[in-house]
C-alpha atoms as a PDB file:
ATOM      1  CA  UNK A   1     157.233 129.674  45.396  1.00  0.00           C
ATOM      2  CA  UNK A   2     158.329 126.145  46.377  1.00  0.00           C
ATOM      3  CA  UNK A   3     158.293 125.102  50.018  1.00  0.00           C
ATOM      4  CA  UNK A   4     161.071 122.909  51.382  1.00  0.00           C
ATOM      5  CA  UNK A   5     161.418 120.485  54.277  1.00  0.00           C
ATOM      6  CA  UNK A   6     164.808 120.809  55.931  1.00  0.00           C
ATOM      7  CA  UNK A   7     166.464 117.748  57.411  1.00  0.00           C
ATOM      8  CA  UNK A   8     169.787 117.089  59.098  1.00  0.00           C
ATOM      9  CA  UNK A   9     171.507 113.756  58.575  1.00  0.00           C
ATOM     10  CA  UNK A  10     174.406 112.513  60.693  1.00  0.00           C
ATOM     11  CA  UNK A  11     176.654 109.960  59.001  1.00  0.00           C
ATOM     12  CA  UNK A  12     179.155 107.396  60.197  1.00  0.00           C
ATOM     13  CA  UNK A  13     181.803 107.014  57.523  1.00  0.00           C
ATOM     14  CA  UNK A  14     184.638 104.537  57.015  1.00  0.00           C
ATOM     15  CA  UNK A  15     187.675 106.254  58.598  1.00  0.00           C
ATOM     16  CA  UNK A  16     189.733 108.238  56.127  1.00  0.00           C
ATOM     17  CA  UNK A  17     186.926 108.580  53.569  1.00  0.00           C
ATOM     18  CA  UNK A  18     185.108 111.625  54.967  1.00  0.00           C
ATOM     19  CA  UNK A  19     186.163 114.080  52.250  1.00  0.00           C
ATOM     20  CA  UNK A  20     185.366 111.652  49.438  1.00  0.00           C
ATOM     21  CA  UNK A  21     181.931 110.985  50.916  1.00  0.00           C
ATOM     22  CA  UNK A  22     181.284 114.739  51.109  1.00  0.00           C
ATOM     23  CA  UNK A  23     182.278 115.136  47.449  1.00  0.00           C
ATOM     24  CA  UNK A  24     179.790 112.403  46.492  1.00  0.00           C
ATOM     25  CA  UNK A  25     177.039 113.854  48.677  1.00  0.00           C
ATOM     26  CA  UNK A  26     177.384 117.326  47.151  1.00  0.00           C
ATOM     27  CA  UNK A  27     176.370 115.829  43.784  1.00  0.00           C
ATOM     28  CA  UNK A  28     172.902 115.090  45.215  1.00  0.00           C
ATOM     29  CA  UNK A  29     170.737 118.134  44.334  1.00  0.00           C
ATOM     30  CA  UNK A  30     168.873 118.179  47.674  1.00  0.00           C
ATOM     31  CA  UNK A  31     172.112 118.272  49.701  1.00  0.00           C
ATOM     32  CA  UNK A  32     172.866 121.922  50.446  1.00  0.00           C
ATOM     33  CA  UNK A  33     175.639 121.506  53.031  1.00  0.00           C
ATOM     34  CA  UNK A  34     178.010 118.805  54.249  1.00  0.00           C
ATOM     35  CA  UNK A  35     180.397 119.167  57.200  1.00  0.00           C
ATOM     36  CA  UNK A  36     183.013 116.945  58.830  1.00  0.00           C
ATOM     37  CA  UNK A  37     182.248 117.025  62.572  1.00  0.00           C
ATOM     38  CA  UNK A  38     184.015 115.627  65.636  1.00  0.00           C
ATOM     39  CA  UNK A  39     182.367 113.152  67.985  1.00  0.00           C
ATOM     40  CA  UNK A  40     180.262 110.023  67.572  1.00  0.00           C
ATOM     41  CA  UNK A  41     179.308 110.941  63.989  1.00  0.00           C
ATOM     42  CA  UNK A  42     181.669 111.909  61.180  1.00  0.00           C
ATOM     43  CA  UNK A  43     179.659 114.026  58.750  1.00  0.00           C
ATOM     44  CA  UNK A  44     176.639 116.326  59.105  1.00  0.00           C
ATOM     45  CA  UNK A  45     174.509 116.828  55.991  1.00  0.00           C
ATOM     46  CA  UNK A  46     171.765 119.409  55.462  1.00  0.00           C
ATOM     47  CA  UNK A  47     168.976 118.438  53.049  1.00  0.00           C
ATOM     48  CA  UNK A  48     166.284 120.606  51.524  1.00  0.00           C
ATOM     49  CA  UNK A  49     163.532 118.384  50.135  1.00  0.00           C
ATOM     50  CA  UNK A  50     160.875 120.193  48.126  1.00  0.00           C
ATOM     51  CA  UNK A  51     157.388 119.575  49.488  1.00  0.00           C
ATOM     52  CA  UNK A  52     155.050 118.039  46.933  1.00  0.00           C
ATOM     53  CA  UNK A  53     151.305 117.536  46.865  1.00  0.00           C
ATOM     54  CA  UNK A  54     151.373 113.773  46.299  1.00  0.00           C
ATOM     55  CA  UNK A  55     154.417 112.812  48.417  1.00  0.00           C
ATOM     56  CA  UNK A  56     154.646 113.922  52.061  1.00  0.00           C
ATOM     57  CA  UNK A  57     157.922 115.741  52.728  1.00  0.00           C
ATOM     58  CA  UNK A  58     158.896 113.321  55.512  1.00  0.00           C
ATOM     59  CA  UNK A  59     158.559 110.480  53.018  1.00  0.00           C
ATOM     60  CA  UNK A  60     160.662 112.372  50.479  1.00  0.00           C
ATOM     61  CA  UNK A  61     163.393 112.852  53.102  1.00  0.00           C
ATOM     62  CA  UNK A  62     163.190 109.141  53.954  1.00  0.00           C
ATOM     63  CA  UNK A  63     163.568 108.204  50.271  1.00  0.00           C
ATOM     64  CA  UNK A  64     166.530 110.575  49.824  1.00  0.00           C
ATOM     65  CA  UNK A  65     168.319 109.072  52.804  1.00  0.00           C
ATOM     66  CA  UNK A  66     167.528 105.453  51.949  1.00  0.00           C
ATOM     67  CA  UNK A  67     167.974 105.608  48.168  1.00  0.00           C
ATOM     68  CA  UNK A  68     170.775 108.134  47.775  1.00  0.00           C
ATOM     69  CA  UNK A  69     172.714 108.962  50.946  1.00  0.00           C
ATOM     70  CA  UNK A  70     172.945 105.450  52.385  1.00  0.00           C
ATOM     71  CA  UNK A  71     174.107 104.155  48.987  1.00  0.00           C
ATOM     72  CA  UNK A  72     177.137 106.454  48.898  1.00  0.00           C
ATOM     73  CA  UNK A  73     180.266 104.310  49.166  1.00  0.00           C
ATOM     74  CA  UNK A  74     181.798 104.329  52.690  1.00  0.00           C
ATOM     75  CA  UNK A  75     178.609 105.540  54.434  1.00  0.00           C
ATOM     76  CA  UNK A  76     178.149 103.043  57.263  1.00  0.00           C
ATOM     77  CA  UNK A  77     175.199 104.456  59.240  1.00  0.00           C
ATOM     78  CA  UNK A  78     172.837 107.429  59.312  1.00  0.00           C
ATOM     79  CA  UNK A  79     170.683 109.291  61.816  1.00  0.00           C
ATOM     80  CA  UNK A  80     168.082 111.658  60.345  1.00  0.00           C
ATOM     81  CA  UNK A  81     166.435 114.593  62.075  1.00  0.00           C
ATOM     82  CA  UNK A  82     163.584 116.417  60.326  1.00  0.00           C
ATOM     83  CA  UNK A  83     163.034 120.035  61.266  1.00  0.00           C
ATOM     84  CA  UNK A  84     159.507 120.962  62.277  1.00  0.00           C
ATOM     85  CA  UNK A  85     160.113 124.721  62.624  1.00  0.00           C
ATOM     86  CA  UNK A  86     163.095 126.855  61.635  1.00  0.00           C
ATOM     87  CA  UNK A  87     164.331 130.419  61.685  1.00  0.00           C
ATOM     88  CA  UNK A  88     167.398 131.310  59.656  1.00  0.00           C
ATOM     89  CA  UNK A  89     169.368 134.440  60.383  1.00  0.00           C
ATOM     90  CA  UNK A  90     170.352 136.234  57.202  1.00  0.00           C
ATOM     91  CA  UNK A  91     173.896 137.654  57.134  1.00  0.00           C
END
């Protein structure tokens, strides 16, 4: 069974382009959720990066953010938080 590293990425987006950015982000396989949020940041993204033997999961998250998320048109800035321990309540 694969093990995943969960990360949360806050994005600053060019005003008026939030929904388009979310549509682009949802095409990235590791992106499981994307939300427009009020406040200093515009979009919250949840990533699930599969842990691999040869690539540390933190590095995989870094590569996803740098090589995919930050290259989405109208993404101006990011702030990434990597979860170290999680519990998820099942509905």
